[in-house]
Each structure stands twice: as C-alpha cells, then as structure tokens.
Amino acid sequence: MLHIIQSERGLRAARPLIHSSDVVLLVEAAVYLANPSHYAHAMLPSCSLYALSEDVTARGIMTLISNKIQQVDFSGFVALTETHSQNATWA
C-alpha cells in the first residue's frame, strides 16, 4: 500500500496502519520530516520512504534530506501510484 503523507499530523494518523511492506511518500509540509534533525523524523516507519523532490526544492531543504529517503519527481509519484493499487492520503 502507498501512504501519501501531507503533514506531521497525517503521519501521526497513518503511523499505526503502516506495515513494513508499505511505501510512504512525503509531500507538501511532510517533506520536513525527511530531515534527520527534525524532531519528528524518528516517527518515520521502517519501510520504503520517498519524498517529492519538487516539495523538497520549494522548501529549500535539498541538502538536509536523509540518505535513507529517495526523492522522486512528479513522474515518480505517478509511477508509485501505478505500482500500488491501494493508496491513502493523510492530511
């Protein structure tokens, strides 16, 4: 399952439902969580993690993203949704 996380609040809501086989895509304000120095970074689950590169760039945090989190562009976002028949967006 693909979990599209839009905010820290969304991650808090989704966290109990995310399994290790799931994929998490951080978008919008949630990309701040990809920074290991962010106080809520430790909340990220142990699964495949992605961040939308356009949102990372828009917030000027390109060099602050954890190397455990792969950045994808909008084409990569579409590919993730095509790969996962089930997805949920968490605001």
PDB file of N, CA and C in Angstrom:
ATOM      1  N   MET A   1       0.840  -1.181   0.000  1.00  0.00           N
ATOM      2  CA  MET A   1       0.000   0.000   0.000  1.00  0.00           C
ATOM      3  C   MET A   1       0.877   1.233   0.000  1.00  0.00           C
ATOM      4  N   LEU A   2       0.425   2.251  -0.706  1.00  0.00           N
ATOM      5  CA  LEU A   2       1.118   3.543  -0.763  1.00  0.00           C
ATOM      6  C   LEU A   2       0.409   4.517   0.172  1.00  0.00           C
ATOM      7  N   HIS A   3       1.163   5.083   1.107  1.00  0.00           N
ATOM      8  CA  HIS A   3       0.650   6.099   2.023  1.00  0.00           C
ATOM      9  C   HIS A   3       1.247   7.438   1.600  1.00  0.00           C
ATOM     10  N   ILE A   4       0.411   8.366   1.222  1.00  0.00           N
ATOM     11  CA  ILE A   4       0.844   9.707   0.826  1.00  0.00           C
ATOM     12  C   ILE A   4       0.614  10.606   2.033  1.00  0.00           C
ATOM     13  N   ILE A   5       1.705  11.081   2.597  1.00  0.00           N
ATOM     14  CA  ILE A   5       1.649  11.850   3.841  1.00  0.00           C
ATOM     15  C   ILE A   5       1.862  13.324   3.520  1.00  0.00           C
ATOM     16  N   GLN A   6       0.919  14.170   3.959  1.00  0.00           N
ATOM     17  CA  GLN A   6       0.980  15.598   3.662  1.00  0.00           C
ATOM     18  C   GLN A   6       1.481  16.454   4.820  1.00  0.00           C
ATOM     19  N   SER A   7       1.493  15.913   6.020  1.00  0.00           N
ATOM     20  CA  SER A   7       1.856  16.716   7.195  1.00  0.00           C
ATOM     21  C   SER A   7       2.286  15.793   8.335  1.00  0.00           C
ATOM     22  N   GLU A   8       2.837  16.393   9.367  1.00  0.00           N
ATOM     23  CA  GLU A   8       3.194  15.617  10.559  1.00  0.00           C
ATOM     24  C   GLU A   8       1.938  15.003  11.171  1.00  0.00           C
ATOM     25  N   ARG A   9       0.859  15.751  11.204  1.00  0.00           N
ATOM     26  CA  ARG A   9      -0.407  15.234  11.725  1.00  0.00           C
ATOM     27  C   ARG A   9      -0.867  14.017  10.921  1.00  0.00           C
ATOM     28  N   GLY A  10      -0.681  14.079   9.600  1.00  0.00           N
ATOM     29  CA  GLY A  10      -1.037  12.944   8.757  1.00  0.00           C
ATOM     30  C   GLY A  10      -0.206  11.720   9.080  1.00  0.00           C
ATOM     31  N   LEU A  11       1.088  11.920   9.340  1.00  0.00           N
ATOM     32  CA  LEU A  11       1.949  10.796   9.708  1.00  0.00           C
ATOM     33  C   LEU A  11       1.502  10.192  11.029  1.00  0.00           C
ATOM     34  N   ARG A  12       1.162  11.038  11.992  1.00  0.00           N
ATOM     35  CA  ARG A  12       0.701  10.533  13.296  1.00  0.00           C
ATOM     36  C   ARG A  12      -0.558   9.669  13.130  1.00  0.00           C
ATOM     37  N   ALA A  13      -1.453  10.080  12.229  1.00  0.00           N
ATOM     38  CA  ALA A  13      -2.689   9.328  11.996  1.00  0.00           C
ATOM     39  C   ALA A  13      -2.407   8.013  11.261  1.00  0.00           C
ATOM     40  N   ALA A  14      -1.495   8.062  10.302  1.00  0.00           N
ATOM     41  CA  ALA A  14      -1.213   6.893   9.467  1.00  0.00           C
ATOM     42  C   ALA A  14      -0.302   5.884  10.144  1.00  0.00           C
ATOM     43  N   ARG A  15       0.558   6.331  10.998  1.00  0.00           N
ATOM     44  CA  ARG A  15       1.634   5.515  11.575  1.00  0.00           C
ATOM     45  C   ARG A  15       1.169   4.144  12.085  1.00  0.00           C
ATOM     46  N   PRO A  16       0.068   4.053  12.830  1.00  0.00           N
ATOM     47  CA  PRO A  16      -0.339   2.728  13.336  1.00  0.00           C
ATOM     48  C   PRO A  16      -0.778   1.759  12.228  1.00  0.00           C
ATOM     49  N   LEU A  17      -1.060   2.283  11.044  1.00  0.00           N
ATOM     50  CA  LEU A  17      -1.572   1.449   9.955  1.00  0.00           C
ATOM     51  C   LEU A  17      -0.528   1.106   8.899  1.00  0.00           C
ATOM     52  N   ILE A  18       0.686   1.635   9.051  1.00  0.00           N
ATOM     53  CA  ILE A  18       1.737   1.413   8.068  1.00  0.00           C
ATOM     54  C   ILE A  18       2.506   0.143   8.414  1.00  0.00           C
ATOM     55  N   HIS A  19       2.608  -0.749   7.439  1.00  0.00           N
ATOM     56  CA  HIS A  19       3.336  -2.009   7.600  1.00  0.00           C
ATOM     57  C   HIS A  19       4.704  -1.901   6.925  1.00  0.00           C
ATOM     58  N   SER A  20       5.607  -2.769   7.286  1.00  0.00           N
ATOM     59  CA  SER A  20       6.965  -2.729   6.736  1.00  0.00           C
ATOM     60  C   SER A  20       6.989  -2.951   5.230  1.00  0.00           C
ATOM     61  N   SER A  21       5.968  -3.589   4.683  1.00  0.00           N
ATOM     62  CA  SER A  21       5.901  -3.819   3.232  1.00  0.00           C
ATOM     63  C   SER A  21       5.271  -2.646   2.475  1.00  0.00           C
ATOM     64  N   ASP A  22       4.793  -1.640   3.203  1.00  0.00           N
ATOM     65  CA  ASP A  22       4.159  -0.479   2.579  1.00  0.00           C
ATOM     66  C   ASP A  22       5.201   0.520   2.095  1.00  0.00           C
ATOM     67  N   VAL A  23       4.719   1.509   1.373  1.00  0.00           N
ATOM     68  CA  VAL A  23       5.559   2.593   0.868  1.00  0.00           C
ATOM     69  C   VAL A  23       4.968   3.905   1.370  1.00  0.00           C
ATOM     70  N   VAL A  24       5.841   4.802   1.813  1.00  0.00           N
ATOM     71  CA  VAL A  24       5.418   6.125   2.284  1.00  0.00           C
ATOM     72  C   VAL A  24       6.026   7.180   1.371  1.00  0.00           C
ATOM     73  N   LEU A  25       5.176   8.095   0.908  1.00  0.00           N
ATOM     74  CA  LEU A  25       5.616   9.229   0.105  1.00  0.00           C
ATOM     75  C   LEU A  25       5.300  10.493   0.878  1.00  0.00           C
ATOM     76  N   LEU A  26       6.335  11.258   1.195  1.00  0.00           N
ATOM     77  CA  LEU A  26       6.176  12.528   1.896  1.00  0.00           C
ATOM     78  C   LEU A  26       5.990  13.641   0.866  1.00  0.00           C
ATOM     79  N   VAL A  27       4.924  14.421   1.028  1.00  0.00           N
ATOM     80  CA  VAL A  27       4.640  15.538   0.135  1.00  0.00           C
ATOM     81  C   VAL A  27       4.292  16.756   0.980  1.00  0.00           C
ATOM     82  N   GLU A  28       4.235  17.913   0.320  1.00  0.00           N
ATOM     83  CA  GLU A  28       3.849  19.167   0.966  1.00  0.00           C
ATOM     84  C   GLU A  28       4.692  19.379   2.231  1.00  0.00           C
ATOM     85  N   ALA A  29       4.078  19.755   3.338  1.00  0.00           N
ATOM     86  CA  ALA A  29       4.822  20.056   4.572  1.00  0.00           C
ATOM     87  C   ALA A  29       5.484  18.828   5.183  1.00  0.00           C
ATOM     88  N   ALA A  30       5.033  17.637   4.820  1.00  0.00           N
ATOM     89  CA  ALA A  30       5.617  16.415   5.389  1.00  0.00           C
ATOM     90  C   ALA A  30       7.061  16.198   4.954  1.00  0.00           C
ATOM     91  N   VAL A  31       7.515  16.862   3.889  1.00  0.00           N
ATOM     92  CA  VAL A  31       8.905  16.670   3.465  1.00  0.00           C
ATOM     93  C   VAL A  31       9.883  17.146   4.541  1.00  0.00           C
ATOM     94  N   TYR A  32       9.458  18.050   5.416  1.00  0.00           N
ATOM     95  CA  TYR A  32      10.330  18.470   6.519  1.00  0.00           C
ATOM     96  C   TYR A  32      10.711  17.286   7.411  1.00  0.00           C
ATOM     97  N   LEU A  33       9.851  16.285   7.479  1.00  0.00           N
ATOM     98  CA  LEU A  33      10.124  15.110   8.307  1.00  0.00           C
ATOM     99  C   LEU A  33      11.289  14.284   7.770  1.00  0.00           C
ATOM    100  N   ALA A  34      11.668  14.495   6.534  1.00  0.00           N
ATOM    101  CA  ALA A  34      12.777  13.767   5.919  1.00  0.00           C
ATOM    102  C   ALA A  34      14.137  14.258   6.420  1.00  0.00           C
ATOM    103  N   ASN A  35      14.143  15.366   7.130  1.00  0.00           N
ATOM    104  CA  ASN A  35      15.368  15.919   7.703  1.00  0.00           C
ATOM    105  C   ASN A  35      15.649  15.198   9.022  1.00  0.00           C
ATOM    106  N   PRO A  36      16.782  14.500   9.128  1.00  0.00           N
ATOM    107  CA  PRO A  36      17.095  13.779  10.370  1.00  0.00           C
ATOM    108  C   PRO A  36      17.136  14.676  11.606  1.00  0.00           C
ATOM    109  N   SER A  37      17.308  15.978  11.431  1.00  0.00           N
ATOM    110  CA  SER A  37      17.335  16.906  12.571  1.00  0.00           C
ATOM    111  C   SER A  37      15.934  17.324  13.013  1.00  0.00           C
ATOM    112  N   HIS A  38      14.922  17.000  12.234  1.00  0.00           N
ATOM    113  CA  HIS A  38      13.544  17.356  12.600  1.00  0.00           C
ATOM    114  C   HIS A  38      13.120  16.520  13.808  1.00  0.00           C
ATOM    115  N   TYR A  39      12.472  17.154  14.761  1.00  0.00           N
ATOM    116  CA  TYR A  39      12.098  16.458  15.996  1.00  0.00           C
ATOM    117  C   TYR A  39      11.199  15.243  15.763  1.00  0.00           C
ATOM    118  N   ALA A  40      10.442  15.218  14.662  1.00  0.00           N
ATOM    119  CA  ALA A  40       9.528  14.105  14.403  1.00  0.00           C
ATOM    120  C   ALA A  40      10.092  13.092  13.397  1.00  0.00           C
ATOM    121  N   HIS A  41      11.340  13.268  12.978  1.00  0.00           N
ATOM    122  CA  HIS A  41      11.943  12.352  12.000  1.00  0.00           C
ATOM    123  C   HIS A  41      11.909  10.900  12.494  1.00  0.00           C
ATOM    124  N   ALA A  42      12.111  10.696  13.761  1.00  0.00           N
ATOM    125  CA  ALA A  42      12.143   9.336  14.327  1.00  0.00           C
ATOM    126  C   ALA A  42      10.795   8.627  14.217  1.00  0.00           C
ATOM    127  N   MET A  43       9.738   9.368  13.951  1.00  0.00           N
ATOM    128  CA  MET A  43       8.410   8.768  13.784  1.00  0.00           C
ATOM    129  C   MET A  43       8.260   8.050  12.448  1.00  0.00           C
ATOM    130  N   LEU A  44       9.161   8.321  11.500  1.00  0.00           N
ATOM    131  CA  LEU A  44       9.034   7.688  10.189  1.00  0.00           C
ATOM    132  C   LEU A  44       9.146   6.176  10.337  1.00  0.00           C
ATOM    133  N   PRO A  45       8.277   5.458   9.673  1.00  0.00           N
ATOM    134  CA  PRO A  45       8.277   3.997   9.813  1.00  0.00           C
ATOM    135  C   PRO A  45       9.447   3.337   9.093  1.00  0.00           C
ATOM    136  N   SER A  46       9.692   2.095   9.412  1.00  0.00           N
ATOM    137  CA  SER A  46      10.725   1.303   8.738  1.00  0.00           C
ATOM    138  C   SER A  46      10.092   0.631   7.526  1.00  0.00           C
ATOM    139  N   CYS A  47      10.081   1.351   6.433  1.00  0.00           N
ATOM    140  CA  CYS A  47       9.549   0.849   5.168  1.00  0.00           C
ATOM    141  C   CYS A  47      10.197   1.667   4.059  1.00  0.00           C
ATOM    142  N   SER A  48       9.778   1.479   2.841  1.00  0.00           N
ATOM    143  CA  SER A  48      10.315   2.275   1.728  1.00  0.00           C
ATOM    144  C   SER A  48       9.803   3.704   1.857  1.00  0.00           C
ATOM    145  N   LEU A  49      10.734   4.656   1.896  1.00  0.00           N
ATOM    146  CA  LEU A  49      10.392   6.064   2.102  1.00  0.00           C
ATOM    147  C   LEU A  49      10.805   6.901   0.898  1.00  0.00           C
ATOM    148  N   TYR A  50       9.902   7.780   0.485  1.00  0.00           N
ATOM    149  CA  TYR A  50      10.143   8.683  -0.631  1.00  0.00           C
ATOM    150  C   TYR A  50       9.713  10.090  -0.229  1.00  0.00           C
ATOM    151  N   ALA A  51      10.297  11.081  -0.891  1.00  0.00           N
ATOM    152  CA  ALA A  51       9.894  12.477  -0.719  1.00  0.00           C
ATOM    153  C   ALA A  51       9.763  13.092  -2.102  1.00  0.00           C
ATOM    154  N   LEU A  52       8.743  13.904  -2.288  1.00  0.00           N
ATOM    155  CA  LEU A  52       8.525  14.565  -3.570  1.00  0.00           C
ATOM    156  C   LEU A  52       9.558  15.675  -3.737  1.00  0.00           C
ATOM    157  N   SER A  53      10.425  15.529  -4.729  1.00  0.00           N
ATOM    158  CA  SER A  53      11.552  16.440  -4.908  1.00  0.00           C
ATOM    159  C   SER A  53      11.115  17.884  -5.138  1.00  0.00           C
ATOM    160  N   GLU A  54      10.004  18.097  -5.820  1.00  0.00           N
ATOM    161  CA  GLU A  54       9.523  19.470  -6.048  1.00  0.00           C
ATOM    162  C   GLU A  54       9.176  20.154  -4.729  1.00  0.00           C
ATOM    163  N   ASP A  55       8.606  19.414  -3.780  1.00  0.00           N
ATOM    164  CA  ASP A  55       8.290  19.996  -2.477  1.00  0.00           C
ATOM    165  C   ASP A  55       9.549  20.210  -1.644  1.00  0.00           C
ATOM    166  N   VAL A  56      10.515  19.317  -1.774  1.00  0.00           N
ATOM    167  CA  VAL A  56      11.804  19.482  -1.086  1.00  0.00           C
ATOM    168  C   VAL A  56      12.498  20.746  -1.594  1.00  0.00           C
ATOM    169  N   THR A  57      12.530  20.906  -2.904  1.00  0.00           N
ATOM    170  CA  THR A  57      13.168  22.075  -3.514  1.00  0.00           C
ATOM    171  C   THR A  57      12.442  23.354  -3.141  1.00  0.00           C
ATOM    172  N   ALA A  58      11.124  23.343  -3.176  1.00  0.00           N
ATOM    173  CA  ALA A  58      10.327  24.529  -2.855  1.00  0.00           C
ATOM    174  C   ALA A  58      10.587  25.016  -1.430  1.00  0.00           C
ATOM    175  N   ARG A  59      10.959  24.103  -0.550  1.00  0.00           N
ATOM    176  CA  ARG A  59      11.220  24.465   0.845  1.00  0.00           C
ATOM    177  C   ARG A  59      12.702  24.687   1.125  1.00  0.00           C
ATOM    178  N   GLY A  60      13.538  24.531   0.110  1.00  0.00           N
ATOM    179  CA  GLY A  60      14.962  24.821   0.247  1.00  0.00           C
ATOM    180  C   GLY A  60      15.716  23.873   1.163  1.00  0.00           C
ATOM    181  N   ILE A  61      15.288  22.617   1.227  1.00  0.00           N
ATOM    182  CA  ILE A  61      15.922  21.671   2.152  1.00  0.00           C
ATOM    183  C   ILE A  61      16.600  20.514   1.410  1.00  0.00           C
ATOM    184  N   MET A  62      17.016  20.765   0.178  1.00  0.00           N
ATOM    185  CA  MET A  62      17.607  19.711  -0.652  1.00  0.00           C
ATOM    186  C   MET A  62      18.779  19.005   0.024  1.00  0.00           C
ATOM    187  N   THR A  63      19.609  19.728   0.722  1.00  0.00           N
ATOM    188  CA  THR A  63      20.809  19.133   1.325  1.00  0.00           C
ATOM    189  C   THR A  63      20.543  18.550   2.713  1.00  0.00           C
ATOM    190  N   LEU A  64      19.326  18.677   3.202  1.00  0.00           N
ATOM    191  CA  LEU A  64      19.011  18.231   4.558  1.00  0.00           C
ATOM    192  C   LEU A  64      18.263  16.901   4.614  1.00  0.00           C
ATOM    193  N   ILE A  65      17.968  16.324   3.470  1.00  0.00           N
ATOM    194  CA  ILE A  65      17.170  15.105   3.406  1.00  0.00           C
ATOM    195  C   ILE A  65      18.031  13.885   3.746  1.00  0.00           C
ATOM    196  N   SER A  66      17.491  13.003   4.558  1.00  0.00           N
ATOM    197  CA  SER A  66      18.178  11.763   4.919  1.00  0.00           C
ATOM    198  C   SER A  66      18.487  10.942   3.676  1.00  0.00           C
ATOM    199  N   ASN A  67      19.648  10.298   3.669  1.00  0.00           N
ATOM    200  CA  ASN A  67      20.004   9.461   2.525  1.00  0.00           C
ATOM    201  C   ASN A  67      19.202   8.157   2.495  1.00  0.00           C
ATOM    202  N   LYS A  68      18.404   7.916   3.520  1.00  0.00           N
ATOM    203  CA  LYS A  68      17.523   6.744   3.551  1.00  0.00           C
ATOM    204  C   LYS A  68      16.205   7.008   2.813  1.00  0.00           C
ATOM    205  N   ILE A  69      16.006   8.256   2.411  1.00  0.00           N
ATOM    206  CA  ILE A  69      14.770   8.649   1.754  1.00  0.00           C
ATOM    207  C   ILE A  69      15.069   9.021   0.309  1.00  0.00           C
ATOM    208  N   GLN A  70      14.439   8.313  -0.594  1.00  0.00           N
ATOM    209  CA  GLN A  70      14.651   8.551  -2.018  1.00  0.00           C
ATOM    210  C   GLN A  70      13.736   9.677  -2.480  1.00  0.00           C
ATOM    211  N   GLN A  71      14.295  10.607  -3.245  1.00  0.00           N
ATOM    212  CA  GLN A  71      13.487  11.679  -3.805  1.00  0.00           C
ATOM    213  C   GLN A  71      12.954  11.265  -5.169  1.00  0.00           C
ATOM    214  N   VAL A  72      11.675  11.590  -5.415  1.00  0.00           N
ATOM    215  CA  VAL A  72      11.044  11.311  -6.699  1.00  0.00           C
ATOM    216  C   VAL A  72      10.385  12.585  -7.203  1.00  0.00           C
ATOM    217  N   ASP A  73      10.355  12.738  -8.527  1.00  0.00           N
ATOM    218  CA  ASP A  73       9.659  13.870  -9.122  1.00  0.00           C
ATOM    219  C   ASP A  73       8.202  13.474  -9.371  1.00  0.00           C
ATOM    220  N   PHE A  74       7.455  14.342 -10.069  1.00  0.00           N
ATOM    221  CA  PHE A  74       6.044  14.029 -10.299  1.00  0.00           C
ATOM    222  C   PHE A  74       5.859  12.758 -11.117  1.00  0.00           C
ATOM    223  N   SER A  75       6.772  12.488 -12.034  1.00  0.00           N
ATOM    224  CA  SER A  75       6.688  11.232 -12.798  1.00  0.00           C
ATOM    225  C   SER A  75       6.874  10.028 -11.875  1.00  0.00           C
ATOM    226  N   GLY A  76       7.782  10.152 -10.922  1.00  0.00           N
ATOM    227  CA  GLY A  76       7.988   9.099  -9.942  1.00  0.00           C
ATOM    228  C   GLY A  76       6.777   8.924  -9.041  1.00  0.00           C
ATOM    229  N   PHE A  77       6.125  10.024  -8.711  1.00  0.00           N
ATOM    230  CA  PHE A  77       4.894   9.995  -7.923  1.00  0.00           C
ATOM    231  C   PHE A  77       3.837   9.179  -8.673  1.00  0.00           C
ATOM    232  N   VAL A  78       3.673   9.484  -9.952  1.00  0.00           N
ATOM    233  CA  VAL A  78       2.701   8.758 -10.778  1.00  0.00           C
ATOM    234  C   VAL A  78       3.067   7.272 -10.839  1.00  0.00           C
ATOM    235  N   ALA A  79       4.355   6.976 -11.017  1.00  0.00           N
ATOM    236  CA  ALA A  79       4.793   5.579 -11.078  1.00  0.00           C
ATOM    237  C   ALA A  79       4.473   4.846  -9.775  1.00  0.00           C
ATOM    238  N   LEU A  80       4.651   5.501  -8.640  1.00  0.00           N
ATOM    239  CA  LEU A  80       4.324   4.872  -7.360  1.00  0.00           C
ATOM    240  C   LEU A  80       2.828   4.565  -7.270  1.00  0.00           C
ATOM    241  N   THR A  81       1.991   5.489  -7.735  1.00  0.00           N
ATOM    242  CA  THR A  81       0.548   5.240  -7.680  1.00  0.00           C
ATOM    243  C   THR A  81       0.139   4.140  -8.651  1.00  0.00           C
ATOM    244  N   GLU A  82       0.846   4.025  -9.766  1.00  0.00           N
ATOM    245  CA  GLU A  82       0.548   2.948 -10.723  1.00  0.00           C
ATOM    246  C   GLU A  82       0.980   1.590 -10.177  1.00  0.00           C
ATOM    247  N   THR A  83       2.052   1.574  -9.418  1.00  0.00           N
ATOM    248  CA  THR A  83       2.596   0.342  -8.864  1.00  0.00           C
ATOM    249  C   THR A  83       1.760  -0.194  -7.704  1.00  0.00           C
ATOM    250  N   HIS A  84       1.092   0.707  -7.000  1.00  0.00           N
ATOM    251  CA  HIS A  84       0.330   0.320  -5.809  1.00  0.00           C
ATOM    252  C   HIS A  84      -1.159   0.557  -6.057  1.00  0.00           C
ATOM    253  N   SER A  85      -1.909  -0.528  -6.172  1.00  0.00           N
ATOM    254  CA  SER A  85      -3.332  -0.407  -6.457  1.00  0.00           C
ATOM    255  C   SER A  85      -4.103   0.215  -5.292  1.00  0.00           C
ATOM    256  N   GLN A  86      -3.568   0.105  -4.095  1.00  0.00           N
ATOM    257  CA  GLN A  86      -4.189   0.726  -2.934  1.00  0.00           C
ATOM    258  C   GLN A  86      -3.316   1.869  -2.459  1.00  0.00           C
ATOM    259  N   ASN A  87      -3.956   3.012  -2.197  1.00  0.00           N
ATOM    260  CA  ASN A  87      -3.236   4.126  -1.617  1.00  0.00           C
ATOM    261  C   ASN A  87      -4.174   4.939  -0.737  1.00  0.00           C
ATOM    262  N   ALA A  88      -3.575   5.664   0.176  1.00  0.00           N
ATOM    263  CA  ALA A  88      -4.323   6.532   1.075  1.00  0.00           C
ATOM    264  C   ALA A  88      -3.543   7.820   1.249  1.00  0.00           C
ATOM    265  N   THR A  89      -4.264   8.929   1.302  1.00  0.00           N
ATOM    266  CA  THR A  89      -3.651  10.230   1.525  1.00  0.00           C
ATOM    267  C   THR A  89      -4.016  10.684   2.920  1.00  0.00           C
ATOM    268  N   TRP A  90      -3.004  11.102   3.655  1.00  0.00           N
ATOM    269  CA  TRP A  90      -3.164  11.520   5.032  1.00  0.00           C
ATOM    270  C   TRP A  90      -2.788  12.987   5.159  1.00  0.00           C
ATOM    271  N   ALA A  91      -3.768  13.819   5.499  1.00  0.00           N
ATOM    272  CA  ALA A  91      -3.541  15.285   5.573  1.00  0.00           C
ATOM    273  C   ALA A  91      -3.033  15.707   6.931  1.00  0.00           C
TER     274      ALA A  91
END
